[in-house]
Amino acid sequence: MTLEELKPKYDKLQLKYGAKELDSIYFGGYETNPDICFVFMNPTGRNIASKKSWQGLKAPWIGTKNIWDLFYAVGLLDQEIYEEIRRLKGPEWTQEFAETVYENVKKHKYFITNLGKCTQIDARPLPDKIFQNYLHLLEQEISIVNPKVIILLGNQVSSIFLHQNISVSQVRKKEFEKEIHGKKYPCYAVFYPVGNGRFNIDKSIEDIRYIKKQITERVN
């Protein structure tokens, strides 16, 4: 199985669970043993790459601003790219600029994905059972990418992925372990830093900086 071979499977689930007028958003970034794999919840129509007319990368957070505040704050995005993101309005992102942003993501050796790839019109909550139908595909995705560490964003994603009830506020900086296809991956649950979780972004930044330090110490 390759990452490309997963995309038709995600597209099939988009027809079942997502907005019919929008495309699946897959994943993007450094695809071979990245330092970090970030797992978010699910995409919305604010990602302009979900439009049928978009022929470029179908990667997370294209045409949005807030999440890039987080990546810049933790040293995972170059300043010139960040300033351009802040300057542009969402519809002003071009397919070429999206490629430029994700080349910078690759430079910093991380991978961005969602547990659910079903794009919704807005940020409506989805039931656990929908995300659970994506879990086996995400596990295949992670097995292919083989990250050094997995960062799970928010209570719902963390609970479903780790098969236990997780309250991020109670497990900050705690390492969990997830076995996928015979390999054990260190995992951390971090506050969801956008939307209603925007007020927790400082805690997310603090915890991701801590996790990055842990990765560096292991390597050294």
N, C-alpha and C. Protein backbone atom coordinates (compact mmCIF):
# COMPACT_ATOMS: atom_id res chain seq x y z
N MET A 1 0.84 -1.20 0.00
CA MET A 1 0.00 0.00 0.00
C MET A 1 0.88 1.25 0.00
N THR A 2 0.53 2.23 -0.83
CA THR A 2 1.22 3.52 -0.86
C THR A 2 0.24 4.62 -0.46
N LEU A 3 0.77 5.82 -0.21
CA LEU A 3 -0.09 6.95 0.11
C LEU A 3 -1.06 7.24 -1.03
N GLU A 4 -0.58 7.16 -2.26
CA GLU A 4 -1.45 7.42 -3.41
C GLU A 4 -2.60 6.42 -3.49
N GLU A 5 -2.33 5.20 -3.11
CA GLU A 5 -3.36 4.16 -3.16
C GLU A 5 -4.43 4.35 -2.09
N LEU A 6 -4.12 5.14 -1.06
CA LEU A 6 -5.11 5.44 -0.03
C LEU A 6 -6.13 6.48 -0.48
N LYS A 7 -5.74 7.33 -1.41
CA LYS A 7 -6.61 8.46 -1.78
C LYS A 7 -7.97 8.03 -2.32
N PRO A 8 -8.06 7.02 -3.21
CA PRO A 8 -9.39 6.60 -3.67
C PRO A 8 -10.27 6.07 -2.53
N LYS A 9 -9.65 5.49 -1.53
CA LYS A 9 -10.41 5.00 -0.38
C LYS A 9 -10.99 6.18 0.40
N TYR A 10 -10.20 7.25 0.54
CA TYR A 10 -10.69 8.44 1.21
C TYR A 10 -11.80 9.12 0.38
N ASP A 11 -11.64 9.10 -0.93
CA ASP A 11 -12.65 9.72 -1.80
C ASP A 11 -13.99 8.98 -1.68
N LYS A 12 -13.94 7.68 -1.54
CA LYS A 12 -15.16 6.89 -1.38
C LYS A 12 -15.88 7.27 -0.10
N LEU A 13 -15.12 7.49 0.97
CA LEU A 13 -15.72 7.89 2.25
C LEU A 13 -16.21 9.32 2.21
N GLN A 14 -15.59 10.17 1.39
CA GLN A 14 -16.08 11.55 1.22
C GLN A 14 -17.51 11.54 0.69
N LEU A 15 -17.79 10.67 -0.26
CA LEU A 15 -19.14 10.58 -0.82
C LEU A 15 -20.15 10.13 0.22
N LYS A 16 -19.68 9.37 1.20
CA LYS A 16 -20.57 8.84 2.24
C LYS A 16 -20.77 9.81 3.39
N TYR A 17 -19.68 10.49 3.78
CA TYR A 17 -19.73 11.28 5.01
C TYR A 17 -19.50 12.78 4.83
N GLY A 18 -18.98 13.18 3.68
CA GLY A 18 -18.62 14.58 3.48
C GLY A 18 -19.63 15.33 2.62
N ALA A 19 -19.32 16.60 2.37
CA ALA A 19 -20.16 17.41 1.48
C ALA A 19 -19.92 16.97 0.04
N LYS A 20 -20.98 16.66 -0.66
CA LYS A 20 -20.85 16.09 -2.01
C LYS A 20 -20.19 17.06 -2.99
N GLU A 21 -20.33 18.37 -2.73
CA GLU A 21 -19.78 19.37 -3.64
C GLU A 21 -18.30 19.67 -3.37
N LEU A 22 -17.73 19.03 -2.34
CA LEU A 22 -16.34 19.26 -1.99
C LEU A 22 -15.52 17.98 -2.10
N ASP A 23 -14.21 18.13 -2.28
CA ASP A 23 -13.30 16.99 -2.36
C ASP A 23 -12.71 16.65 -1.00
N SER A 24 -12.23 15.43 -0.89
CA SER A 24 -11.44 15.04 0.27
C SER A 24 -10.19 15.89 0.36
N ILE A 25 -9.76 16.11 1.58
CA ILE A 25 -8.43 16.68 1.83
C ILE A 25 -7.61 15.56 2.44
N TYR A 26 -6.44 15.28 1.87
CA TYR A 26 -5.70 14.09 2.27
C TYR A 26 -4.67 14.39 3.36
N PHE A 27 -3.49 14.75 2.97
CA PHE A 27 -2.35 14.90 3.87
C PHE A 27 -1.27 15.66 3.12
N GLY A 28 -0.19 16.02 3.80
CA GLY A 28 0.91 16.70 3.11
C GLY A 28 2.10 16.86 4.02
N GLY A 29 3.25 17.04 3.39
CA GLY A 29 4.47 17.27 4.15
C GLY A 29 5.54 16.22 3.88
N TYR A 30 6.38 16.04 4.86
CA TYR A 30 7.53 15.13 4.76
C TYR A 30 7.04 13.70 4.95
N GLU A 31 7.20 12.87 3.95
CA GLU A 31 6.53 11.57 3.91
C GLU A 31 7.40 10.38 4.29
N THR A 32 8.66 10.61 4.60
CA THR A 32 9.55 9.49 4.92
C THR A 32 10.19 9.71 6.28
N ASN A 33 9.64 9.06 7.30
CA ASN A 33 10.16 9.15 8.67
C ASN A 33 10.27 10.59 9.16
N PRO A 34 9.16 11.35 9.11
CA PRO A 34 9.20 12.72 9.62
C PRO A 34 9.43 12.75 11.12
N ASP A 35 9.90 13.88 11.60
CA ASP A 35 10.07 14.03 13.05
C ASP A 35 8.72 13.96 13.76
N ILE A 36 7.70 14.60 13.17
CA ILE A 36 6.38 14.66 13.80
C ILE A 36 5.30 14.42 12.75
N CYS A 37 4.28 13.66 13.13
CA CYS A 37 3.04 13.56 12.38
C CYS A 37 1.95 14.24 13.20
N PHE A 38 1.38 15.31 12.68
CA PHE A 38 0.28 16.01 13.33
C PHE A 38 -1.04 15.45 12.83
N VAL A 39 -1.89 15.00 13.75
CA VAL A 39 -3.19 14.46 13.37
C VAL A 39 -4.29 15.39 13.88
N PHE A 40 -4.97 16.06 12.93
CA PHE A 40 -6.08 16.94 13.26
C PHE A 40 -7.40 16.18 13.10
N MET A 41 -8.50 16.90 13.13
CA MET A 41 -9.82 16.28 13.18
C MET A 41 -10.34 15.97 11.78
N ASN A 42 -10.87 16.98 11.08
CA ASN A 42 -11.34 16.81 9.70
C ASN A 42 -11.37 18.18 9.03
N PRO A 43 -11.26 18.21 7.72
CA PRO A 43 -11.20 19.49 7.00
C PRO A 43 -12.59 20.11 6.82
N THR A 44 -12.59 21.40 6.50
CA THR A 44 -13.84 22.10 6.18
C THR A 44 -13.67 22.83 4.84
N GLY A 45 -14.76 23.39 4.38
CA GLY A 45 -14.74 24.12 3.12
C GLY A 45 -13.89 25.37 3.15
N ARG A 46 -13.42 25.79 4.33
CA ARG A 46 -12.49 26.93 4.38
C ARG A 46 -11.18 26.60 3.70
N ASN A 47 -10.86 25.33 3.61
CA ASN A 47 -9.68 24.90 2.86
C ASN A 47 -10.03 24.98 1.37
N ILE A 48 -9.43 25.94 0.68
CA ILE A 48 -9.82 26.16 -0.72
C ILE A 48 -9.42 25.02 -1.63
N ALA A 49 -8.53 24.15 -1.16
CA ALA A 49 -8.15 22.98 -1.96
C ALA A 49 -9.28 21.97 -2.05
N SER A 50 -10.32 22.12 -1.23
CA SER A 50 -11.45 21.19 -1.29
C SER A 50 -12.39 21.49 -2.45
N LYS A 51 -12.22 22.61 -3.10
CA LYS A 51 -13.08 22.96 -4.24
C LYS A 51 -12.77 22.05 -5.44
N LYS A 52 -13.79 21.69 -6.17
CA LYS A 52 -13.61 20.80 -7.32
C LYS A 52 -12.69 21.43 -8.37
N SER A 53 -12.67 22.75 -8.42
CA SER A 53 -11.86 23.44 -9.43
C SER A 53 -10.38 23.48 -9.09
N TRP A 54 -10.02 23.15 -7.84
CA TRP A 54 -8.62 23.22 -7.40
C TRP A 54 -7.88 21.99 -7.92
N GLN A 55 -6.85 22.23 -8.71
CA GLN A 55 -6.10 21.13 -9.33
C GLN A 55 -4.76 20.85 -8.65
N GLY A 56 -4.46 21.60 -7.57
CA GLY A 56 -3.17 21.43 -6.89
C GLY A 56 -3.25 20.46 -5.73
N LEU A 57 -2.37 20.64 -4.77
CA LEU A 57 -2.32 19.79 -3.58
C LEU A 57 -3.67 19.79 -2.86
N LYS A 58 -4.11 18.62 -2.47
CA LYS A 58 -5.30 18.49 -1.62
C LYS A 58 -4.79 18.20 -0.20
N ALA A 59 -4.14 19.19 0.38
CA ALA A 59 -3.47 19.04 1.67
C ALA A 59 -4.16 19.90 2.72
N PRO A 60 -3.96 19.58 4.01
CA PRO A 60 -4.65 20.33 5.07
C PRO A 60 -4.28 21.80 5.15
N TRP A 61 -5.26 22.61 5.54
CA TRP A 61 -5.09 24.01 5.95
C TRP A 61 -4.69 24.95 4.82
N ILE A 62 -4.90 24.59 3.58
CA ILE A 62 -4.59 25.48 2.46
C ILE A 62 -5.64 26.60 2.42
N GLY A 63 -5.16 27.83 2.36
CA GLY A 63 -6.06 28.98 2.32
C GLY A 63 -6.53 29.45 3.68
N THR A 64 -5.96 28.91 4.75
CA THR A 64 -6.33 29.32 6.11
C THR A 64 -5.13 30.01 6.76
N LYS A 65 -5.36 30.61 7.92
CA LYS A 65 -4.30 31.36 8.59
C LYS A 65 -3.91 30.79 9.96
N ASN A 66 -4.91 30.52 10.80
CA ASN A 66 -4.63 30.34 12.23
C ASN A 66 -3.67 29.21 12.57
N ILE A 67 -3.78 28.09 11.86
CA ILE A 67 -2.90 26.96 12.22
C ILE A 67 -1.44 27.28 11.95
N TRP A 68 -1.20 28.15 10.96
CA TRP A 68 0.18 28.50 10.63
C TRP A 68 0.79 29.38 11.71
N ASP A 69 -0.05 30.06 12.52
CA ASP A 69 0.46 30.75 13.71
C ASP A 69 1.14 29.76 14.64
N LEU A 70 0.51 28.61 14.81
CA LEU A 70 1.07 27.57 15.68
C LEU A 70 2.38 27.04 15.13
N PHE A 71 2.39 26.68 13.86
CA PHE A 71 3.61 26.09 13.29
C PHE A 71 4.76 27.10 13.31
N TYR A 72 4.47 28.35 13.07
CA TYR A 72 5.51 29.38 13.13
C TYR A 72 6.02 29.54 14.56
N ALA A 73 5.12 29.55 15.52
CA ALA A 73 5.50 29.77 16.92
C ALA A 73 6.38 28.66 17.47
N VAL A 74 6.24 27.45 16.94
CA VAL A 74 7.06 26.33 17.44
C VAL A 74 8.26 26.05 16.55
N GLY A 75 8.56 26.98 15.65
CA GLY A 75 9.77 26.86 14.83
C GLY A 75 9.66 25.88 13.68
N LEU A 76 8.44 25.68 13.17
CA LEU A 76 8.23 24.74 12.08
C LEU A 76 7.78 25.41 10.78
N LEU A 77 8.01 26.72 10.69
CA LEU A 77 7.67 27.45 9.48
C LEU A 77 8.57 28.67 9.38
N ASP A 78 9.15 28.89 8.20
CA ASP A 78 10.05 30.02 8.02
C ASP A 78 9.28 31.34 8.04
N GLN A 79 9.94 32.38 8.49
CA GLN A 79 9.29 33.67 8.67
C GLN A 79 8.73 34.23 7.38
N GLU A 80 9.46 34.15 6.29
CA GLU A 80 8.99 34.75 5.04
C GLU A 80 7.72 34.06 4.54
N ILE A 81 7.64 32.76 4.72
CA ILE A 81 6.42 32.03 4.33
C ILE A 81 5.27 32.44 5.24
N TYR A 82 5.55 32.51 6.53
CA TYR A 82 4.52 32.89 7.50
C TYR A 82 3.97 34.29 7.20
N GLU A 83 4.84 35.23 6.90
CA GLU A 83 4.40 36.60 6.62
C GLU A 83 3.52 36.65 5.37
N GLU A 84 3.85 35.83 4.39
CA GLU A 84 3.02 35.79 3.18
C GLU A 84 1.65 35.17 3.47
N ILE A 85 1.62 34.16 4.31
CA ILE A 85 0.35 33.56 4.72
C ILE A 85 -0.52 34.60 5.43
N ARG A 86 0.11 35.38 6.30
CA ARG A 86 -0.63 36.40 7.04
C ARG A 86 -1.15 37.50 6.11
N ARG A 87 -0.42 37.75 5.04
CA ARG A 87 -0.79 38.83 4.11
C ARG A 87 -1.95 38.42 3.20
N LEU A 88 -1.94 37.19 2.77
CA LEU A 88 -2.92 36.74 1.78
C LEU A 88 -4.27 36.42 2.40
N LYS A 89 -5.33 36.75 1.68
CA LYS A 89 -6.65 36.25 2.03
C LYS A 89 -6.78 34.84 1.46
N GLY A 90 -7.64 34.05 2.06
CA GLY A 90 -7.76 32.65 1.67
C GLY A 90 -7.88 32.41 0.17
N PRO A 91 -8.80 33.09 -0.53
CA PRO A 91 -8.96 32.86 -1.96
C PRO A 91 -7.77 33.30 -2.80
N GLU A 92 -6.85 34.06 -2.18
CA GLU A 92 -5.68 34.54 -2.92
C GLU A 92 -4.56 33.51 -2.96
N TRP A 93 -4.68 32.44 -2.19
CA TRP A 93 -3.69 31.37 -2.30
C TRP A 93 -3.76 30.79 -3.71
N THR A 94 -2.60 30.63 -4.32
CA THR A 94 -2.53 29.95 -5.60
C THR A 94 -2.05 28.52 -5.38
N GLN A 95 -2.20 27.71 -6.40
CA GLN A 95 -1.70 26.34 -6.31
C GLN A 95 -0.18 26.33 -6.14
N GLU A 96 0.47 27.31 -6.75
CA GLU A 96 1.93 27.41 -6.63
C GLU A 96 2.33 27.80 -5.21
N PHE A 97 1.56 28.71 -4.59
CA PHE A 97 1.89 29.11 -3.22
C PHE A 97 1.65 27.95 -2.25
N ALA A 98 0.61 27.18 -2.47
CA ALA A 98 0.37 26.00 -1.63
C ALA A 98 1.55 25.04 -1.71
N GLU A 99 2.09 24.86 -2.91
CA GLU A 99 3.28 24.01 -3.07
C GLU A 99 4.46 24.60 -2.30
N THR A 100 4.63 25.91 -2.35
CA THR A 100 5.72 26.57 -1.63
C THR A 100 5.59 26.36 -0.13
N VAL A 101 4.37 26.51 0.39
CA VAL A 101 4.15 26.30 1.83
C VAL A 101 4.51 24.87 2.21
N TYR A 102 4.06 23.91 1.44
CA TYR A 102 4.32 22.52 1.80
C TYR A 102 5.76 22.10 1.54
N GLU A 103 6.46 22.78 0.67
CA GLU A 103 7.91 22.55 0.57
C GLU A 103 8.60 22.99 1.86
N ASN A 104 8.07 24.05 2.46
CA ASN A 104 8.62 24.52 3.74
C ASN A 104 8.29 23.54 4.86
N VAL A 105 7.09 22.97 4.81
CA VAL A 105 6.74 21.92 5.77
C VAL A 105 7.73 20.75 5.65
N LYS A 106 8.00 20.35 4.41
CA LYS A 106 8.97 19.26 4.19
C LYS A 106 10.35 19.63 4.72
N LYS A 107 10.74 20.86 4.52
CA LYS A 107 12.04 21.33 5.01
C LYS A 107 12.17 21.11 6.51
N HIS A 108 11.08 21.33 7.22
CA HIS A 108 11.09 21.18 8.68
C HIS A 108 10.72 19.77 9.14
N LYS A 109 10.55 18.86 8.20
CA LYS A 109 10.40 17.43 8.45
C LYS A 109 9.20 17.07 9.33
N TYR A 110 8.03 17.59 8.94
CA TYR A 110 6.82 17.12 9.60
C TYR A 110 5.74 16.82 8.57
N PHE A 111 4.73 16.12 9.03
CA PHE A 111 3.67 15.61 8.17
C PHE A 111 2.34 16.01 8.80
N ILE A 112 1.41 16.50 7.99
CA ILE A 112 0.12 16.98 8.49
C ILE A 112 -1.00 16.14 7.89
N THR A 113 -1.88 15.65 8.74
CA THR A 113 -3.00 14.85 8.26
C THR A 113 -4.21 15.08 9.17
N ASN A 114 -5.33 14.49 8.79
CA ASN A 114 -6.54 14.51 9.61
C ASN A 114 -6.98 13.08 9.87
N LEU A 115 -7.59 12.86 11.02
CA LEU A 115 -8.17 11.54 11.28
C LEU A 115 -9.27 11.26 10.27
N GLY A 116 -10.19 12.20 10.12
CA GLY A 116 -11.23 12.09 9.10
C GLY A 116 -10.88 12.95 7.90
N LYS A 117 -10.98 12.40 6.72
CA LYS A 117 -10.68 13.16 5.51
C LYS A 117 -11.95 13.71 4.86
N CYS A 118 -13.10 13.54 5.53
CA CYS A 118 -14.38 13.96 4.95
C CYS A 118 -14.57 15.46 5.15
N THR A 119 -14.43 16.20 4.08
CA THR A 119 -14.57 17.65 4.14
C THR A 119 -16.03 18.04 4.33
N GLN A 120 -16.28 18.91 5.33
CA GLN A 120 -17.61 19.42 5.61
C GLN A 120 -17.68 20.89 5.17
N ILE A 121 -18.88 21.38 4.97
CA ILE A 121 -19.06 22.79 4.62
C ILE A 121 -18.50 23.69 5.72
N ASP A 122 -18.75 23.30 6.97
CA ASP A 122 -18.32 24.12 8.10
C ASP A 122 -17.73 23.22 9.18
N ALA A 123 -17.51 23.79 10.36
CA ALA A 123 -16.85 23.06 11.44
C ALA A 123 -17.86 22.35 12.35
N ARG A 124 -18.89 21.78 11.77
CA ARG A 124 -19.88 21.05 12.56
C ARG A 124 -19.23 19.83 13.22
N PRO A 125 -19.65 19.50 14.45
CA PRO A 125 -19.08 18.32 15.11
C PRO A 125 -19.53 17.04 14.41
N LEU A 126 -18.64 16.08 14.36
CA LEU A 126 -18.95 14.78 13.77
C LEU A 126 -18.97 13.72 14.86
N PRO A 127 -19.83 12.74 14.75
CA PRO A 127 -19.87 11.67 15.76
C PRO A 127 -18.63 10.78 15.69
N ASP A 128 -18.33 10.16 16.81
CA ASP A 128 -17.15 9.29 16.88
C ASP A 128 -17.17 8.21 15.81
N LYS A 129 -18.36 7.67 15.51
CA LYS A 129 -18.43 6.52 14.60
C LYS A 129 -17.91 6.86 13.20
N ILE A 130 -18.06 8.12 12.78
CA ILE A 130 -17.51 8.51 11.48
C ILE A 130 -15.99 8.47 11.51
N PHE A 131 -15.41 9.05 12.55
CA PHE A 131 -13.95 9.03 12.67
C PHE A 131 -13.43 7.60 12.80
N GLN A 132 -14.16 6.76 13.51
CA GLN A 132 -13.73 5.37 13.68
C GLN A 132 -13.68 4.63 12.35
N ASN A 133 -14.51 5.04 11.41
CA ASN A 133 -14.48 4.42 10.08
C ASN A 133 -13.26 4.82 9.26
N TYR A 134 -12.57 5.84 9.71
CA TYR A 134 -11.33 6.28 9.06
C TYR A 134 -10.08 5.74 9.75
N LEU A 135 -10.23 5.22 10.94
CA LEU A 135 -9.06 4.92 11.77
C LEU A 135 -8.12 3.91 11.12
N HIS A 136 -8.65 2.87 10.52
CA HIS A 136 -7.77 1.85 9.94
C HIS A 136 -6.98 2.42 8.77
N LEU A 137 -7.58 3.37 8.04
CA LEU A 137 -6.86 4.00 6.92
C LEU A 137 -5.77 4.92 7.44
N LEU A 138 -6.06 5.67 8.52
CA LEU A 138 -5.03 6.51 9.11
C LEU A 138 -3.87 5.66 9.63
N GLU A 139 -4.18 4.52 10.21
CA GLU A 139 -3.12 3.64 10.70
C GLU A 139 -2.25 3.15 9.55
N GLN A 140 -2.84 2.84 8.42
CA GLN A 140 -2.05 2.48 7.24
C GLN A 140 -1.17 3.65 6.80
N GLU A 141 -1.77 4.82 6.80
CA GLU A 141 -1.05 6.05 6.42
C GLU A 141 0.18 6.25 7.30
N ILE A 142 -0.02 6.11 8.60
CA ILE A 142 1.09 6.30 9.55
C ILE A 142 2.15 5.22 9.37
N SER A 143 1.71 4.01 9.13
CA SER A 143 2.67 2.93 8.92
C SER A 143 3.55 3.19 7.70
N ILE A 144 2.98 3.77 6.66
CA ILE A 144 3.74 4.10 5.45
C ILE A 144 4.71 5.25 5.73
N VAL A 145 4.23 6.28 6.41
CA VAL A 145 5.05 7.48 6.66
C VAL A 145 6.11 7.23 7.73
N ASN A 146 5.74 6.46 8.77
CA ASN A 146 6.67 6.06 9.84
C ASN A 146 7.28 7.25 10.59
N PRO A 147 6.44 8.06 11.25
CA PRO A 147 6.96 9.23 11.99
C PRO A 147 7.69 8.85 13.27
N LYS A 148 8.54 9.75 13.74
CA LYS A 148 9.22 9.54 15.02
C LYS A 148 8.26 9.70 16.19
N VAL A 149 7.32 10.63 16.05
CA VAL A 149 6.34 10.86 17.11
C VAL A 149 5.03 11.33 16.47
N ILE A 150 3.92 11.02 17.13
CA ILE A 150 2.61 11.43 16.66
C ILE A 150 2.01 12.42 17.65
N ILE A 151 1.55 13.56 17.15
CA ILE A 151 0.87 14.55 17.99
C ILE A 151 -0.60 14.58 17.59
N LEU A 152 -1.45 14.28 18.55
CA LEU A 152 -2.90 14.20 18.34
C LEU A 152 -3.53 15.48 18.85
N LEU A 153 -4.35 16.11 18.04
CA LEU A 153 -4.91 17.41 18.38
C LEU A 153 -6.35 17.26 18.86
N GLY A 154 -6.56 17.50 20.16
CA GLY A 154 -7.90 17.53 20.72
C GLY A 154 -8.33 16.23 21.38
N ASN A 155 -9.36 16.33 22.20
CA ASN A 155 -9.86 15.19 22.98
C ASN A 155 -10.42 14.08 22.10
N GLN A 156 -11.23 14.46 21.10
CA GLN A 156 -11.91 13.44 20.29
C GLN A 156 -10.93 12.63 19.48
N VAL A 157 -10.03 13.30 18.78
CA VAL A 157 -9.02 12.61 17.98
C VAL A 157 -8.15 11.73 18.86
N SER A 158 -7.70 12.27 20.00
CA SER A 158 -6.83 11.52 20.90
C SER A 158 -7.53 10.28 21.44
N SER A 159 -8.78 10.42 21.83
CA SER A 159 -9.53 9.29 22.42
C SER A 159 -9.75 8.18 21.41
N ILE A 160 -10.13 8.54 20.20
CA ILE A 160 -10.39 7.53 19.17
C ILE A 160 -9.09 6.84 18.75
N PHE A 161 -8.04 7.61 18.56
CA PHE A 161 -6.78 7.04 18.09
C PHE A 161 -6.15 6.13 19.14
N LEU A 162 -6.25 6.52 20.41
CA LEU A 162 -5.60 5.77 21.48
C LEU A 162 -6.53 4.75 22.15
N HIS A 163 -7.78 4.70 21.71
CA HIS A 163 -8.75 3.74 22.24
C HIS A 163 -8.95 3.87 23.75
N GLN A 164 -8.96 5.10 24.22
CA GLN A 164 -9.25 5.36 25.63
C GLN A 164 -9.76 6.78 25.78
N ASN A 165 -10.47 7.03 26.86
CA ASN A 165 -11.04 8.36 27.07
C ASN A 165 -9.95 9.34 27.48
N ILE A 166 -9.68 10.31 26.61
CA ILE A 166 -8.59 11.26 26.84
C ILE A 166 -9.15 12.65 27.06
N SER A 167 -8.72 13.29 28.15
CA SER A 167 -8.95 14.71 28.36
C SER A 167 -7.58 15.38 28.30
N VAL A 168 -7.34 16.13 27.25
CA VAL A 168 -6.01 16.70 27.02
C VAL A 168 -5.50 17.46 28.23
N SER A 169 -6.38 18.17 28.91
CA SER A 169 -5.95 18.98 30.06
C SER A 169 -5.36 18.12 31.18
N GLN A 170 -5.71 16.83 31.19
CA GLN A 170 -5.22 15.94 32.25
C GLN A 170 -3.96 15.16 31.85
N VAL A 171 -3.57 15.23 30.59
CA VAL A 171 -2.45 14.39 30.13
C VAL A 171 -1.38 15.21 29.39
N ARG A 172 -1.29 16.49 29.69
CA ARG A 172 -0.31 17.32 29.00
C ARG A 172 1.11 16.79 29.22
N LYS A 173 1.85 16.68 28.13
CA LYS A 173 3.24 16.22 28.12
C LYS A 173 3.39 14.74 28.49
N LYS A 174 2.28 14.02 28.59
CA LYS A 174 2.35 12.58 28.89
C LYS A 174 2.52 11.80 27.60
N GLU A 175 3.45 10.87 27.60
CA GLU A 175 3.67 10.04 26.41
C GLU A 175 2.81 8.79 26.46
N PHE A 176 2.10 8.55 25.36
CA PHE A 176 1.36 7.31 25.18
C PHE A 176 2.07 6.48 24.12
N GLU A 177 1.64 5.25 23.97
CA GLU A 177 2.24 4.37 22.96
C GLU A 177 1.13 3.72 22.16
N LYS A 178 1.29 3.73 20.86
CA LYS A 178 0.32 3.11 19.95
C LYS A 178 1.06 2.14 19.04
N GLU A 179 0.62 0.91 19.02
CA GLU A 179 1.24 -0.08 18.14
C GLU A 179 0.45 -0.18 16.85
N ILE A 180 1.15 -0.02 15.75
CA ILE A 180 0.54 -0.11 14.42
C ILE A 180 1.38 -1.06 13.57
N HIS A 181 0.77 -2.13 13.13
CA HIS A 181 1.43 -3.11 12.27
C HIS A 181 2.77 -3.55 12.87
N GLY A 182 2.77 -3.79 14.17
CA GLY A 182 3.95 -4.34 14.84
C GLY A 182 4.97 -3.33 15.30
N LYS A 183 4.76 -2.05 15.00
CA LYS A 183 5.70 -1.01 15.45
C LYS A 183 5.02 -0.10 16.47
N LYS A 184 5.76 0.27 17.52
CA LYS A 184 5.22 1.14 18.56
C LYS A 184 5.63 2.58 18.31
N TYR A 185 4.64 3.47 18.36
CA TYR A 185 4.86 4.90 18.11
C TYR A 185 4.56 5.70 19.38
N PRO A 186 5.48 6.59 19.78
CA PRO A 186 5.16 7.51 20.88
C PRO A 186 4.14 8.54 20.44
N CYS A 187 3.17 8.81 21.28
CA CYS A 187 2.09 9.73 20.95
C CYS A 187 1.86 10.72 22.09
N TYR A 188 1.44 11.91 21.74
CA TYR A 188 1.08 12.93 22.73
C TYR A 188 -0.25 13.55 22.33
N ALA A 189 -1.07 13.86 23.32
CA ALA A 189 -2.33 14.57 23.10
C ALA A 189 -2.12 16.04 23.44
N VAL A 190 -2.51 16.90 22.50
CA VAL A 190 -2.29 18.34 22.63
C VAL A 190 -3.62 19.06 22.38
N PHE A 191 -3.81 20.20 23.04
CA PHE A 191 -5.03 20.99 22.83
C PHE A 191 -5.23 21.32 21.36
N TYR A 192 -6.48 21.25 20.89
CA TYR A 192 -6.80 21.67 19.54
C TYR A 192 -6.66 23.20 19.48
N PRO A 193 -5.83 23.73 18.58
CA PRO A 193 -5.44 25.15 18.68
C PRO A 193 -6.20 26.12 17.79
N VAL A 194 -7.23 25.66 17.09
CA VAL A 194 -7.95 26.56 16.19
C VAL A 194 -9.45 26.46 16.45
N GLY A 195 -10.22 27.33 15.82
CA GLY A 195 -11.66 27.33 16.04
C GLY A 195 -11.98 27.65 17.48
N ASN A 196 -12.84 26.85 18.09
CA ASN A 196 -13.21 27.07 19.48
C ASN A 196 -12.04 26.84 20.44
N GLY A 197 -11.02 26.14 19.96
CA GLY A 197 -9.85 25.88 20.79
C GLY A 197 -8.77 26.94 20.69
N ARG A 198 -9.05 28.01 19.99
CA ARG A 198 -8.04 29.04 19.76
C ARG A 198 -7.48 29.60 21.08
N PHE A 199 -8.31 29.69 22.10
CA PHE A 199 -7.84 30.25 23.38
C PHE A 199 -6.83 29.33 24.07
N ASN A 200 -6.69 28.11 23.58
CA ASN A 200 -5.70 27.18 24.15
C ASN A 200 -4.40 27.12 23.36
N ILE A 201 -4.24 28.00 22.37
CA ILE A 201 -3.08 27.87 21.49
C ILE A 201 -1.76 28.01 22.25
N ASP A 202 -1.71 28.85 23.28
CA ASP A 202 -0.48 29.00 24.05
C ASP A 202 -0.08 27.69 24.73
N LYS A 203 -1.06 26.93 25.19
CA LYS A 203 -0.77 25.62 25.80
C LYS A 203 -0.30 24.63 24.74
N SER A 204 -0.90 24.71 23.57
CA SER A 204 -0.47 23.85 22.46
C SER A 204 0.98 24.14 22.10
N ILE A 205 1.32 25.41 22.01
CA ILE A 205 2.69 25.82 21.68
C ILE A 205 3.67 25.31 22.74
N GLU A 206 3.33 25.51 23.99
CA GLU A 206 4.19 25.05 25.08
C GLU A 206 4.44 23.55 25.00
N ASP A 207 3.37 22.78 24.78
CA ASP A 207 3.51 21.32 24.77
C ASP A 207 4.26 20.83 23.54
N ILE A 208 4.04 21.44 22.39
CA ILE A 208 4.76 21.02 21.18
C ILE A 208 6.24 21.34 21.29
N ARG A 209 6.56 22.46 21.88
CA ARG A 209 7.98 22.78 22.12
C ARG A 209 8.62 21.72 23.02
N TYR A 210 7.90 21.29 24.02
CA TYR A 210 8.38 20.23 24.92
C TYR A 210 8.60 18.94 24.13
N ILE A 211 7.64 18.57 23.29
CA ILE A 211 7.74 17.33 22.51
C ILE A 211 8.92 17.40 21.55
N LYS A 212 9.11 18.54 20.90
CA LYS A 212 10.26 18.71 20.00
C LYS A 212 11.57 18.50 20.75
N LYS A 213 11.64 19.01 21.96
CA LYS A 213 12.84 18.84 22.78
C LYS A 213 13.07 17.37 23.08
N GLN A 214 11.99 16.65 23.37
CA GLN A 214 12.10 15.21 23.65
C GLN A 214 12.65 14.47 22.44
N ILE A 215 12.18 14.85 21.24
CA ILE A 215 12.67 14.20 20.01
C ILE A 215 14.17 14.45 19.85
N THR A 216 14.59 15.70 20.06
CA THR A 216 16.01 16.05 19.92
C THR A 216 16.86 15.27 20.91
N GLU A 217 16.41 15.15 22.13
CA GLU A 217 17.17 14.43 23.15
C GLU A 217 17.30 12.96 22.83
N ARG A 218 16.26 12.38 22.23
CA ARG A 218 16.34 10.97 21.84
C ARG A 218 17.35 10.74 20.74
N VAL A 219 17.35 11.66 19.78
CA VAL A 219 18.29 11.55 18.66
C VAL A 219 19.73 11.66 19.14
N ASN A 220 19.93 12.58 20.09
CA ASN A 220 21.29 12.82 20.59
C ASN A 220 21.68 11.84 21.69
